[in-house]
């Protein structure tokens, strides 16, 4: 198994990713099928449809294949109708495409379908008089799209759960390090850098969540992971929770930046930041690799962090009762929300 993974990593490094391999395989299979099912000795539209249909996820591939097939069928029909009245010329191309796009837009079709209708109309006007072209064009497109979808269903990543757990660990560790770095930052430019990094972390988390939601949607169509969909849904909810945590981390970075740069105030929040950072780290580890011991350790740390946050906040309030800065209140609100999010 280790050698197998090593081989996959070596292929990935030279650009032969899973998606690349699936695309090439779908193109080859669709061409072979089209040779046996159409009269065209060079059914190039089948692999073309496969290349344009196959996407990262099954759901996206199915949508792309449906749009492309509908576009070809409608476009071929419109092109055939137009060629009965007009021979090909600059004027007929203008009129034909104008009518095709106008009808498609009036019917409020998807933009991908509309584009494919235009391409199909143009090709039929140019080559539609050849024997069997129009039927062959539709058959090749269906074969190409179907090949792409089937290949995408049966060639899935080895274990989507491993991918999501790795993302949970990576993102939680990044957030933990970000909070630790904020506690040690003193210079204004370092705080500005931390604020920018926290913004990028939020964007990265949003991208990861979007990718995994797409993965979950795809696995609905896969025969191999149906029994694990509930577990997969739980892990994606954890990534969703991490996204909310990253927003609180960004808020903390903003408060620290404003206190230092705009208020010119120096406060030592290192202890509470360090404890909260450790809570985030343990949360990620517990969700990726849950054990009874790590769960109890996380609960104990959450309780201690809450006490420390309350004590620190009360001390700051008592020492600055007449001029208590709102940024401090905002910072502790975000810290409390992080603990609430983890505990819930």
C-alpha atoms as a PDB file:
ATOM      1  CA  UNK A   1       0.000   0.000   0.000  1.00  0.00           C
ATOM      2  CA  UNK A   2       2.872   2.342   0.871  1.00  0.00           C
ATOM      3  CA  UNK A   3       4.554   1.621  -2.467  1.00  0.00           C
ATOM      4  CA  UNK A   4       1.233   2.253  -4.233  1.00  0.00           C
ATOM      5  CA  UNK A   5       0.887   5.681  -2.600  1.00  0.00           C
ATOM      6  CA  UNK A   6       4.528   6.450  -3.398  1.00  0.00           C
ATOM      7  CA  UNK A   7       3.843   5.647  -7.054  1.00  0.00           C
ATOM      8  CA  UNK A   8       0.798   7.932  -7.105  1.00  0.00           C
ATOM      9  CA  UNK A   9       2.801  10.771  -5.555  1.00  0.00           C
ATOM     10  CA  UNK A  10       5.549  10.316  -8.149  1.00  0.00           C
ATOM     11  CA  UNK A  11       3.016  10.488 -10.982  1.00  0.00           C
ATOM     12  CA  UNK A  12       1.419  13.597  -9.477  1.00  0.00           C
ATOM     13  CA  UNK A  13       4.785  15.348  -9.365  1.00  0.00           C
ATOM     14  CA  UNK A  14       5.189  14.961 -13.135  1.00  0.00           C
ATOM     15  CA  UNK A  15       1.668  16.230 -13.779  1.00  0.00           C
ATOM     16  CA  UNK A  16      -0.211  12.935 -14.137  1.00  0.00           C
ATOM     17  CA  UNK A  17      -2.937  13.649 -11.612  1.00  0.00           C
ATOM     18  CA  UNK A  18      -6.120  11.635 -11.125  1.00  0.00           C
ATOM     19  CA  UNK A  19      -8.099  14.225 -13.099  1.00  0.00           C
ATOM     20  CA  UNK A  20      -5.611  14.177 -15.987  1.00  0.00           C
ATOM     21  CA  UNK A  21      -5.697  10.376 -16.146  1.00  0.00           C
ATOM     22  CA  UNK A  22      -9.510  10.263 -15.998  1.00  0.00           C
ATOM     23  CA  UNK A  23      -9.814  12.829 -18.784  1.00  0.00           C
ATOM     24  CA  UNK A  24      -7.443  10.962 -21.100  1.00  0.00           C
ATOM     25  CA  UNK A  25      -9.095   7.613 -20.347  1.00  0.00           C
ATOM     26  CA  UNK A  26     -12.605   8.978 -20.966  1.00  0.00           C
ATOM     27  CA  UNK A  27     -11.474  10.481 -24.280  1.00  0.00           C
ATOM     28  CA  UNK A  28      -9.951   7.186 -25.437  1.00  0.00           C
ATOM     29  CA  UNK A  29     -12.935   5.066 -24.397  1.00  0.00           C
ATOM     30  CA  UNK A  30     -15.471   7.431 -25.975  1.00  0.00           C
ATOM     31  CA  UNK A  31     -13.544   7.415 -29.266  1.00  0.00           C
ATOM     32  CA  UNK A  32     -13.500   3.605 -29.287  1.00  0.00           C
ATOM     33  CA  UNK A  33     -17.232   3.437 -28.583  1.00  0.00           C
ATOM     34  CA  UNK A  34     -18.007   6.008 -31.260  1.00  0.00           C
ATOM     35  CA  UNK A  35     -16.059   4.030 -33.869  1.00  0.00           C
ATOM     36  CA  UNK A  36     -18.366   1.069 -33.300  1.00  0.00           C
ATOM     37  CA  UNK A  37     -21.620   3.038 -33.107  1.00  0.00           C
ATOM     38  CA  UNK A  38     -21.321   5.670 -35.835  1.00  0.00           C
ATOM     39  CA  UNK A  39     -20.446   5.715 -39.523  1.00  0.00           C
ATOM     40  CA  UNK A  40     -17.800   8.384 -39.035  1.00  0.00           C
ATOM     41  CA  UNK A  41     -14.273   6.921 -39.426  1.00  0.00           C
ATOM     42  CA  UNK A  42     -12.924   9.787 -37.291  1.00  0.00           C
ATOM     43  CA  UNK A  43     -15.533  10.456 -34.563  1.00  0.00           C
ATOM     44  CA  UNK A  44     -13.519  13.244 -32.982  1.00  0.00           C
ATOM     45  CA  UNK A  45     -16.534  14.892 -31.333  1.00  0.00           C
ATOM     46  CA  UNK A  46     -16.837  11.979 -28.868  1.00  0.00           C
ATOM     47  CA  UNK A  47     -13.461  12.536 -27.151  1.00  0.00           C
ATOM     48  CA  UNK A  48     -14.006  16.292 -27.441  1.00  0.00           C
ATOM     49  CA  UNK A  49     -17.272  15.943 -25.508  1.00  0.00           C
ATOM     50  CA  UNK A  50     -15.536  13.739 -22.929  1.00  0.00           C
ATOM     51  CA  UNK A  51     -12.760  16.288 -22.393  1.00  0.00           C
ATOM     52  CA  UNK A  52     -15.219  19.157 -22.006  1.00  0.00           C
ATOM     53  CA  UNK A  53     -17.602  17.178 -19.785  1.00  0.00           C
ATOM     54  CA  UNK A  54     -15.331  15.629 -17.186  1.00  0.00           C
ATOM     55  CA  UNK A  55     -14.950  17.777 -14.070  1.00  0.00           C
ATOM     56  CA  UNK A  56     -13.453  17.302 -10.633  1.00  0.00           C
ATOM     57  CA  UNK A  57     -16.734  16.081  -9.135  1.00  0.00           C
ATOM     58  CA  UNK A  58     -19.368  13.664 -10.413  1.00  0.00           C
ATOM     59  CA  UNK A  59     -22.167  16.192  -9.946  1.00  0.00           C
ATOM     60  CA  UNK A  60     -20.360  18.836 -12.006  1.00  0.00           C
ATOM     61  CA  UNK A  61     -19.610  16.279 -14.728  1.00  0.00           C
ATOM     62  CA  UNK A  62     -23.265  15.257 -14.916  1.00  0.00           C
ATOM     63  CA  UNK A  63     -24.355  18.875 -15.158  1.00  0.00           C
ATOM     64  CA  UNK A  64     -21.746  19.657 -17.807  1.00  0.00           C
ATOM     65  CA  UNK A  65     -22.686  16.554 -19.814  1.00  0.00           C
ATOM     66  CA  UNK A  66     -26.385  17.391 -19.677  1.00  0.00           C
ATOM     67  CA  UNK A  67     -25.808  20.992 -20.773  1.00  0.00           C
ATOM     68  CA  UNK A  68     -23.539  19.930 -23.609  1.00  0.00           C
ATOM     69  CA  UNK A  69     -25.916  17.230 -24.878  1.00  0.00           C
ATOM     70  CA  UNK A  70     -28.944  19.532 -24.763  1.00  0.00           C
ATOM     71  CA  UNK A  71     -26.982  22.257 -26.521  1.00  0.00           C
ATOM     72  CA  UNK A  72     -25.921  19.904 -29.307  1.00  0.00           C
ATOM     73  CA  UNK A  73     -29.417  18.473 -29.848  1.00  0.00           C
ATOM     74  CA  UNK A  74     -31.071  21.906 -29.951  1.00  0.00           C
ATOM     75  CA  UNK A  75     -28.248  23.392 -32.024  1.00  0.00           C
ATOM     76  CA  UNK A  76     -28.326  20.583 -34.589  1.00  0.00           C
ATOM     77  CA  UNK A  77     -32.106  20.911 -34.937  1.00  0.00           C
ATOM     78  CA  UNK A  78     -31.929  24.695 -35.385  1.00  0.00           C
ATOM     79  CA  UNK A  79     -28.989  24.397 -37.774  1.00  0.00           C
ATOM     80  CA  UNK A  80     -30.865  21.870 -39.897  1.00  0.00           C
ATOM     81  CA  UNK A  81     -33.886  24.172 -40.023  1.00  0.00           C
ATOM     82  CA  UNK A  82     -31.803  27.187 -41.035  1.00  0.00           C
ATOM     83  CA  UNK A  83     -29.937  25.328 -43.811  1.00  0.00           C
ATOM     84  CA  UNK A  84     -33.278  24.509 -45.468  1.00  0.00           C
ATOM     85  CA  UNK A  85     -33.731  28.204 -46.212  1.00  0.00           C
ATOM     86  CA  UNK A  86     -30.209  29.672 -46.350  1.00  0.00           C
ATOM     87  CA  UNK A  87     -26.931  28.485 -47.837  1.00  0.00           C
ATOM     88  CA  UNK A  88     -23.798  29.235 -45.866  1.00  0.00           C
ATOM     89  CA  UNK A  89     -22.476  32.787 -46.141  1.00  0.00           C
ATOM     90  CA  UNK A  90     -21.512  35.622 -43.845  1.00  0.00           C
ATOM     91  CA  UNK A  91     -25.123  36.830 -43.888  1.00  0.00           C
ATOM     92  CA  UNK A  92     -26.623  33.391 -43.157  1.00  0.00           C
ATOM     93  CA  UNK A  93     -24.156  32.830 -40.297  1.00  0.00           C
ATOM     94  CA  UNK A  94     -25.187  36.185 -38.821  1.00  0.00           C
ATOM     95  CA  UNK A  95     -28.906  35.451 -39.178  1.00  0.00           C
ATOM     96  CA  UNK A  96     -28.588  31.838 -38.021  1.00  0.00           C
ATOM     97  CA  UNK A  97     -26.626  32.612 -34.869  1.00  0.00           C
ATOM     98  CA  UNK A  98     -28.794  35.641 -34.130  1.00  0.00           C
ATOM     99  CA  UNK A  99     -31.922  33.476 -34.224  1.00  0.00           C
ATOM    100  CA  UNK A 100     -30.301  30.641 -32.257  1.00  0.00           C
ATOM    101  CA  UNK A 101     -29.053  32.925 -29.483  1.00  0.00           C
ATOM    102  CA  UNK A 102     -32.307  34.908 -29.399  1.00  0.00           C
ATOM    103  CA  UNK A 103     -34.473  31.799 -29.020  1.00  0.00           C
ATOM    104  CA  UNK A 104     -32.138  30.291 -26.396  1.00  0.00           C
ATOM    105  CA  UNK A 105     -32.016  33.510 -24.393  1.00  0.00           C
ATOM    106  CA  UNK A 106     -35.788  33.970 -24.583  1.00  0.00           C
ATOM    107  CA  UNK A 107     -36.191  30.442 -23.168  1.00  0.00           C
ATOM    108  CA  UNK A 108     -33.779  31.424 -20.353  1.00  0.00           C
ATOM    109  CA  UNK A 109     -31.485  28.485 -20.995  1.00  0.00           C
ATOM    110  CA  UNK A 110     -28.215  28.137 -19.127  1.00  0.00           C
ATOM    111  CA  UNK A 111     -25.333  30.083 -20.684  1.00  0.00           C
ATOM    112  CA  UNK A 112     -23.368  26.869 -21.283  1.00  0.00           C
ATOM    113  CA  UNK A 113     -26.288  25.449 -23.272  1.00  0.00           C
ATOM    114  CA  UNK A 114     -26.596  28.667 -25.271  1.00  0.00           C
ATOM    115  CA  UNK A 115     -22.898  28.625 -26.196  1.00  0.00           C
ATOM    116  CA  UNK A 116     -23.113  24.992 -27.282  1.00  0.00           C
ATOM    117  CA  UNK A 117     -26.211  25.737 -29.378  1.00  0.00           C
ATOM    118  CA  UNK A 118     -24.291  28.450 -31.220  1.00  0.00           C
ATOM    119  CA  UNK A 119     -21.330  26.163 -31.914  1.00  0.00           C
ATOM    120  CA  UNK A 120     -23.611  23.353 -33.115  1.00  0.00           C
ATOM    121  CA  UNK A 121     -25.616  25.638 -35.409  1.00  0.00           C
ATOM    122  CA  UNK A 122     -22.399  26.907 -36.981  1.00  0.00           C
ATOM    123  CA  UNK A 123     -21.001  23.399 -37.519  1.00  0.00           C
ATOM    124  CA  UNK A 124     -24.254  22.133 -39.037  1.00  0.00           C
ATOM    125  CA  UNK A 125     -24.359  25.088 -41.423  1.00  0.00           C
ATOM    126  CA  UNK A 126     -20.807  24.302 -42.504  1.00  0.00           C
ATOM    127  CA  UNK A 127     -20.805  20.503 -42.564  1.00  0.00           C
ATOM    128  CA  UNK A 128     -24.432  19.467 -42.150  1.00  0.00           C
ATOM    129  CA  UNK A 129     -24.849  18.442 -45.778  1.00  0.00           C
ATOM    130  CA  UNK A 130     -22.412  15.560 -45.287  1.00  0.00           C
ATOM    131  CA  UNK A 131     -24.149  12.185 -45.037  1.00  0.00           C
ATOM    132  CA  UNK A 132     -25.090  11.316 -41.438  1.00  0.00           C
ATOM    133  CA  UNK A 133     -23.301  14.310 -39.954  1.00  0.00           C
ATOM    134  CA  UNK A 134     -26.113  15.579 -37.722  1.00  0.00           C
ATOM    135  CA  UNK A 135     -27.100  12.228 -36.208  1.00  0.00           C
ATOM    136  CA  UNK A 136     -23.433  11.320 -35.803  1.00  0.00           C
ATOM    137  CA  UNK A 137     -22.759  14.608 -34.025  1.00  0.00           C
ATOM    138  CA  UNK A 138     -25.480  13.893 -31.463  1.00  0.00           C
ATOM    139  CA  UNK A 139     -24.414  10.261 -30.951  1.00  0.00           C
ATOM    140  CA  UNK A 140     -20.760  11.199 -30.488  1.00  0.00           C
ATOM    141  CA  UNK A 141     -21.628  13.904 -27.970  1.00  0.00           C
ATOM    142  CA  UNK A 142     -23.807  11.539 -25.930  1.00  0.00           C
ATOM    143  CA  UNK A 143     -21.091   8.857 -25.954  1.00  0.00           C
ATOM    144  CA  UNK A 144     -18.419  11.349 -24.919  1.00  0.00           C
ATOM    145  CA  UNK A 145     -20.485  12.833 -22.095  1.00  0.00           C
ATOM    146  CA  UNK A 146     -21.595   9.401 -20.855  1.00  0.00           C
ATOM    147  CA  UNK A 147     -18.011   8.085 -20.888  1.00  0.00           C
ATOM    148  CA  UNK A 148     -16.819  11.057 -18.838  1.00  0.00           C
ATOM    149  CA  UNK A 149     -19.557  10.606 -16.230  1.00  0.00           C
ATOM    150  CA  UNK A 150     -19.059   6.835 -15.887  1.00  0.00           C
ATOM    151  CA  UNK A 151     -15.274   7.199 -15.576  1.00  0.00           C
ATOM    152  CA  UNK A 152     -15.753   9.879 -12.923  1.00  0.00           C
ATOM    153  CA  UNK A 153     -18.119   7.641 -10.953  1.00  0.00           C
ATOM    154  CA  UNK A 154     -15.810   4.630 -10.888  1.00  0.00           C
ATOM    155  CA  UNK A 155     -12.464   6.409 -10.521  1.00  0.00           C
ATOM    156  CA  UNK A 156     -12.850   8.329  -7.267  1.00  0.00           C
ATOM    157  CA  UNK A 157     -10.082   9.350  -4.818  1.00  0.00           C
ATOM    158  CA  UNK A 158      -8.930   6.416  -2.711  1.00  0.00           C
ATOM    159  CA  UNK A 159     -10.482   7.725   0.504  1.00  0.00           C
ATOM    160  CA  UNK A 160     -12.367  11.043   0.704  1.00  0.00           C
ATOM    161  CA  UNK A 161     -12.376  10.764   4.500  1.00  0.00           C
ATOM    162  CA  UNK A 162      -8.594  10.952   4.597  1.00  0.00           C
ATOM    163  CA  UNK A 163      -8.663  14.093   2.432  1.00  0.00           C
ATOM    164  CA  UNK A 164     -11.131  15.857   4.717  1.00  0.00           C
ATOM    165  CA  UNK A 165      -9.364  14.801   7.922  1.00  0.00           C
ATOM    166  CA  UNK A 166      -6.074  16.077   6.529  1.00  0.00           C
ATOM    167  CA  UNK A 167      -7.743  19.402   5.722  1.00  0.00           C
ATOM    168  CA  UNK A 168      -9.196  19.630   9.248  1.00  0.00           C
ATOM    169  CA  UNK A 169      -5.761  19.067  10.784  1.00  0.00           C
ATOM    170  CA  UNK A 170      -4.071  21.499   8.417  1.00  0.00           C
ATOM    171  CA  UNK A 171      -6.577  24.317   8.919  1.00  0.00           C
ATOM    172  CA  UNK A 172      -6.823  23.944  12.705  1.00  0.00           C
ATOM    173  CA  UNK A 173      -3.021  23.921  13.018  1.00  0.00           C
ATOM    174  CA  UNK A 174      -2.782  27.040  10.855  1.00  0.00           C
ATOM    175  CA  UNK A 175      -5.302  28.863  13.037  1.00  0.00           C
ATOM    176  CA  UNK A 176      -3.529  27.749  16.188  1.00  0.00           C
ATOM    177  CA  UNK A 177      -0.171  29.013  14.910  1.00  0.00           C
ATOM    178  CA  UNK A 178      -1.783  32.280  13.804  1.00  0.00           C
ATOM    179  CA  UNK A 179      -3.045  32.976  17.342  1.00  0.00           C
ATOM    180  CA  UNK A 180       0.321  32.062  18.851  1.00  0.00           C
ATOM    181  CA  UNK A 181       2.095  34.416  16.445  1.00  0.00           C
ATOM    182  CA  UNK A 182      -0.310  37.241  17.300  1.00  0.00           C
ATOM    183  CA  UNK A 183       0.620  36.911  20.961  1.00  0.00           C
ATOM    184  CA  UNK A 184       4.314  37.335  20.196  1.00  0.00           C
ATOM    185  CA  UNK A 185       3.912  40.244  17.760  1.00  0.00           C
ATOM    186  CA  UNK A 186       4.926  43.662  19.022  1.00  0.00           C
ATOM    187  CA  UNK A 187       5.828  45.728  15.957  1.00  0.00           C
ATOM    188  CA  UNK A 188       2.873  47.334  14.098  1.00  0.00           C
ATOM    189  CA  UNK A 189       4.009  45.998  10.720  1.00  0.00           C
ATOM    190  CA  UNK A 190       4.030  42.449  12.130  1.00  0.00           C
ATOM    191  CA  UNK A 191       0.458  42.885  13.343  1.00  0.00           C
ATOM    192  CA  UNK A 192      -0.534  44.164   9.905  1.00  0.00           C
ATOM    193  CA  UNK A 193       1.048  41.077   8.395  1.00  0.00           C
ATOM    194  CA  UNK A 194      -0.839  38.836  10.836  1.00  0.00           C
ATOM    195  CA  UNK A 195      -4.102  40.574   9.930  1.00  0.00           C
ATOM    196  CA  UNK A 196      -3.479  39.935   6.231  1.00  0.00           C
ATOM    197  CA  UNK A 197      -2.594  36.298   6.895  1.00  0.00           C
ATOM    198  CA  UNK A 198      -5.767  35.805   8.931  1.00  0.00           C
ATOM    199  CA  UNK A 199      -7.818  37.170   6.030  1.00  0.00           C
ATOM    200  CA  UNK A 200      -6.132  34.725   3.673  1.00  0.00           C
ATOM    201  CA  UNK A 201      -6.840  31.926   6.151  1.00  0.00           C
ATOM    202  CA  UNK A 202     -10.563  32.723   6.058  1.00  0.00           C
ATOM    203  CA  UNK A 203     -10.516  32.610   2.242  1.00  0.00           C
ATOM    204  CA  UNK A 204      -8.611  29.322   2.233  1.00  0.00           C
ATOM    205  CA  UNK A 205     -11.088  27.779   4.673  1.00  0.00           C
ATOM    206  CA  UNK A 206     -14.002  28.923   2.518  1.00  0.00           C
ATOM    207  CA  UNK A 207     -12.384  27.304  -0.532  1.00  0.00           C
ATOM    208  CA  UNK A 208     -11.811  24.045   1.343  1.00  0.00           C
ATOM    209  CA  UNK A 209     -15.432  23.999   2.500  1.00  0.00           C
ATOM    210  CA  UNK A 210     -16.692  24.626  -1.029  1.00  0.00           C
ATOM    211  CA  UNK A 211     -14.513  21.798  -2.369  1.00  0.00           C
ATOM    212  CA  UNK A 212     -15.751  19.333   0.226  1.00  0.00           C
ATOM    213  CA  UNK A 213     -19.382  20.289  -0.269  1.00  0.00           C
ATOM    214  CA  UNK A 214     -18.825  19.483  -3.943  1.00  0.00           C
ATOM    215  CA  UNK A 215     -17.230  16.183  -2.924  1.00  0.00           C
ATOM    216  CA  UNK A 216     -20.214  15.294  -0.748  1.00  0.00           C
ATOM    217  CA  UNK A 217     -22.584  16.157  -3.569  1.00  0.00           C
ATOM    218  CA  UNK A 218     -20.584  13.937  -5.925  1.00  0.00           C
ATOM    219  CA  UNK A 219     -20.537  10.955  -3.603  1.00  0.00           C
ATOM    220  CA  UNK A 220     -24.341  10.904  -3.691  1.00  0.00           C
ATOM    221  CA  UNK A 221     -23.922   9.469  -7.196  1.00  0.00           C
ATOM    222  CA  UNK A 222     -21.137   7.048  -6.294  1.00  0.00           C
ATOM    223  CA  UNK A 223     -22.012   3.413  -5.483  1.00  0.00           C
ATOM    224  CA  UNK A 224     -18.946   3.076  -3.239  1.00  0.00           C
ATOM    225  CA  UNK A 225     -19.567   5.566  -0.428  1.00  0.00           C
ATOM    226  CA  UNK A 226     -23.349   5.665   0.050  1.00  0.00           C
ATOM    227  CA  UNK A 227     -23.157   3.941   3.444  1.00  0.00           C
ATOM    228  CA  UNK A 228     -20.599   6.508   4.662  1.00  0.00           C
ATOM    229  CA  UNK A 229     -22.437   9.656   3.622  1.00  0.00           C
ATOM    230  CA  UNK A 230     -23.518  10.404   7.202  1.00  0.00           C
ATOM    231  CA  UNK A 231     -19.924  10.264   8.437  1.00  0.00           C
ATOM    232  CA  UNK A 232     -18.813  12.392   5.506  1.00  0.00           C
ATOM    233  CA  UNK A 233     -21.536  14.941   6.269  1.00  0.00           C
ATOM    234  CA  UNK A 234     -20.302  15.145   9.881  1.00  0.00           C
ATOM    235  CA  UNK A 235     -16.729  15.858   8.775  1.00  0.00           C
ATOM    236  CA  UNK A 236     -17.882  18.564   6.388  1.00  0.00           C
ATOM    237  CA  UNK A 237     -19.835  20.173   9.242  1.00  0.00           C
ATOM    238  CA  UNK A 238     -16.543  20.240  11.161  1.00  0.00           C
ATOM    239  CA  UNK A 239     -14.897  22.075   8.242  1.00  0.00           C
ATOM    240  CA  UNK A 240     -17.869  24.459   8.306  1.00  0.00           C
ATOM    241  CA  UNK A 241     -17.234  25.032  12.012  1.00  0.00           C
ATOM    242  CA  UNK A 242     -13.546  25.687  11.293  1.00  0.00           C
ATOM    243  CA  UNK A 243     -14.594  28.338   8.786  1.00  0.00           C
ATOM    244  CA  UNK A 244     -16.497  30.127  11.560  1.00  0.00           C
ATOM    245  CA  UNK A 245     -13.466  29.790  13.848  1.00  0.00           C
ATOM    246  CA  UNK A 246     -11.271  31.401  11.192  1.00  0.00           C
ATOM    247  CA  UNK A 247     -13.618  34.408  11.106  1.00  0.00           C
ATOM    248  CA  UNK A 248     -13.169  34.841  14.882  1.00  0.00           C
ATOM    249  CA  UNK A 249      -9.381  34.575  14.472  1.00  0.00           C
ATOM    250  CA  UNK A 250      -9.538  37.313  11.852  1.00  0.00           C
ATOM    251  CA  UNK A 251     -11.538  39.459  14.294  1.00  0.00           C
ATOM    252  CA  UNK A 252      -8.889  38.958  16.990  1.00  0.00           C
ATOM    253  CA  UNK A 253      -6.164  39.999  14.550  1.00  0.00           C
ATOM    254  CA  UNK A 254      -8.150  43.142  13.709  1.00  0.00           C
ATOM    255  CA  UNK A 255      -8.611  44.050  17.399  1.00  0.00           C
ATOM    256  CA  UNK A 256      -4.908  43.563  18.182  1.00  0.00           C
ATOM    257  CA  UNK A 257      -3.952  45.618  15.141  1.00  0.00           C
ATOM    258  CA  UNK A 258      -6.270  48.494  16.090  1.00  0.00           C
ATOM    259  CA  UNK A 259      -5.106  48.520  19.717  1.00  0.00           C
ATOM    260  CA  UNK A 260      -1.465  48.789  18.678  1.00  0.00           C
ATOM    261  CA  UNK A 261      -1.611  50.893  15.519  1.00  0.00           C
ATOM    262  CA  UNK A 262      -4.566  53.213  16.164  1.00  0.00           C
ATOM    263  CA  UNK A 263      -4.781  53.320  19.970  1.00  0.00           C
ATOM    264  CA  UNK A 264      -1.031  52.944  20.613  1.00  0.00           C
ATOM    265  CA  UNK A 265      -1.807  50.646  23.545  1.00  0.00           C
ATOM    266  CA  UNK A 266       0.324  47.711  24.685  1.00  0.00           C
ATOM    267  CA  UNK A 267      -1.417  44.785  26.354  1.00  0.00           C
ATOM    268  CA  UNK A 268      -0.135  41.295  26.957  1.00  0.00           C
ATOM    269  CA  UNK A 269      -2.780  38.848  25.772  1.00  0.00           C
ATOM    270  CA  UNK A 270      -0.274  36.027  25.300  1.00  0.00           C
ATOM    271  CA  UNK A 271      -1.679  33.649  27.991  1.00  0.00           C
ATOM    272  CA  UNK A 272      -5.289  33.737  26.745  1.00  0.00           C
ATOM    273  CA  UNK A 273      -4.208  33.585  23.096  1.00  0.00           C
ATOM    274  CA  UNK A 274      -1.948  30.617  23.821  1.00  0.00           C
ATOM    275  CA  UNK A 275      -4.691  28.673  25.615  1.00  0.00           C
ATOM    276  CA  UNK A 276      -7.237  29.401  22.887  1.00  0.00           C
ATOM    277  CA  UNK A 277      -4.713  28.376  20.225  1.00  0.00           C
ATOM    278  CA  UNK A 278      -4.168  25.065  21.997  1.00  0.00           C
ATOM    279  CA  UNK A 279      -7.944  24.517  22.175  1.00  0.00           C
ATOM    280  CA  UNK A 280      -8.211  24.956  18.399  1.00  0.00           C
ATOM    281  CA  UNK A 281      -5.310  22.578  17.802  1.00  0.00           C
ATOM    282  CA  UNK A 282      -6.776  19.881  20.059  1.00  0.00           C
ATOM    283  CA  UNK A 283     -10.201  20.374  18.497  1.00  0.00           C
ATOM    284  CA  UNK A 284      -8.785  19.608  15.042  1.00  0.00           C
ATOM    285  CA  UNK A 285      -6.881  16.566  16.304  1.00  0.00           C
ATOM    286  CA  UNK A 286      -9.923  15.247  18.171  1.00  0.00           C
ATOM    287  CA  UNK A 287     -12.186  15.571  15.129  1.00  0.00           C
ATOM    288  CA  UNK A 288      -9.659  14.043  12.725  1.00  0.00           C
ATOM    289  CA  UNK A 289      -8.578  11.222  15.074  1.00  0.00           C
ATOM    290  CA  UNK A 290     -11.077  11.052  17.952  1.00  0.00           C
ATOM    291  CA  UNK A 291     -10.133   9.266  21.174  1.00  0.00           C
ATOM    292  CA  UNK A 292     -11.667   9.338  24.642  1.00  0.00           C
ATOM    293  CA  UNK A 293      -8.428  10.688  26.096  1.00  0.00           C
ATOM    294  CA  UNK A 294      -8.124  13.564  23.623  1.00  0.00           C
ATOM    295  CA  UNK A 295     -11.796  14.446  24.156  1.00  0.00           C
ATOM    296  CA  UNK A 296     -11.356  14.680  27.951  1.00  0.00           C
ATOM    297  CA  UNK A 297      -8.160  16.673  27.487  1.00  0.00           C
ATOM    298  CA  UNK A 298      -9.995  19.127  25.236  1.00  0.00           C
ATOM    299  CA  UNK A 299     -12.863  19.526  27.733  1.00  0.00           C
ATOM    300  CA  UNK A 300     -10.429  20.233  30.586  1.00  0.00           C
ATOM    301  CA  UNK A 301      -8.541  22.760  28.506  1.00  0.00           C
ATOM    302  CA  UNK A 302     -11.765  24.512  27.446  1.00  0.00           C
ATOM    303  CA  UNK A 303     -12.817  24.875  31.093  1.00  0.00           C
ATOM    304  CA  UNK A 304      -9.411  26.275  32.086  1.00  0.00           C
ATOM    305  CA  UNK A 305      -9.385  28.663  29.108  1.00  0.00           C
ATOM    306  CA  UNK A 306     -12.814  30.035  30.046  1.00  0.00           C
ATOM    307  CA  UNK A 307     -11.688  30.743  33.606  1.00  0.00           C
ATOM    308  CA  UNK A 308      -8.509  32.433  32.394  1.00  0.00           C
ATOM    309  CA  UNK A 309     -10.436  34.548  29.869  1.00  0.00           C
ATOM    310  CA  UNK A 310     -12.925  35.718  32.508  1.00  0.00           C
ATOM    311  CA  UNK A 311     -10.189  36.553  35.011  1.00  0.00           C
ATOM    312  CA  UNK A 312      -8.083  38.439  32.458  1.00  0.00           C
ATOM    313  CA  UNK A 313     -11.090  40.383  31.205  1.00  0.00           C
ATOM    314  CA  UNK A 314     -12.153  41.316  34.760  1.00  0.00           C
ATOM    315  CA  UNK A 315      -8.644  42.523  35.603  1.00  0.00           C
ATOM    316  CA  UNK A 316      -8.487  44.691  32.489  1.00  0.00           C
ATOM    317  CA  UNK A 317     -11.917  46.126  33.268  1.00  0.00           C
ATOM    318  CA  UNK A 318     -10.994  46.987  36.855  1.00  0.00           C
ATOM    319  CA  UNK A 319      -7.715  48.648  35.830  1.00  0.00           C
ATOM    320  CA  UNK A 320      -9.324  50.635  33.003  1.00  0.00           C
ATOM    321  CA  UNK A 321     -12.840  51.177  34.324  1.00  0.00           C
ATOM    322  CA  UNK A 322     -13.048  54.804  33.158  1.00  0.00           C
ATOM    323  CA  UNK A 323     -11.567  54.337  29.707  1.00  0.00           C
ATOM    324  CA  UNK A 324     -12.225  50.737  28.712  1.00  0.00           C
ATOM    325  CA  UNK A 325     -11.387  50.324  25.044  1.00  0.00           C
ATOM    326  CA  UNK A 326     -14.032  48.677  22.815  1.00  0.00           C
ATOM    327  CA  UNK A 327     -11.313  46.747  20.960  1.00  0.00           C
ATOM    328  CA  UNK A 328     -10.607  44.810  24.160  1.00  0.00           C
ATOM    329  CA  UNK A 329     -14.263  43.876  24.475  1.00  0.00           C
ATOM    330  CA  UNK A 330     -14.338  42.824  20.824  1.00  0.00           C
ATOM    331  CA  UNK A 331     -11.216  40.696  21.253  1.00  0.00           C
ATOM    332  CA  UNK A 332     -12.608  38.804  24.244  1.00  0.00           C
ATOM    333  CA  UNK A 333     -15.955  38.368  22.495  1.00  0.00           C
ATOM    334  CA  UNK A 334     -14.153  36.593  19.649  1.00  0.00           C
ATOM    335  CA  UNK A 335     -12.133  34.489  22.097  1.00  0.00           C
ATOM    336  CA  UNK A 336     -15.320  33.416  23.882  1.00  0.00           C
ATOM    337  CA  UNK A 337     -17.038  32.598  20.601  1.00  0.00           C
ATOM    338  CA  UNK A 338     -14.145  30.341  19.631  1.00  0.00           C
ATOM    339  CA  UNK A 339     -14.554  28.329  22.837  1.00  0.00           C
ATOM    340  CA  UNK A 340     -18.343  28.216  22.383  1.00  0.00           C
ATOM    341  CA  UNK A 341     -17.952  26.994  18.799  1.00  0.00           C
ATOM    342  CA  UNK A 342     -15.541  24.251  19.835  1.00  0.00           C
ATOM    343  CA  UNK A 343     -17.650  23.155  22.811  1.00  0.00           C
ATOM    344  CA  UNK A 344     -20.898  23.044  20.868  1.00  0.00           C
END
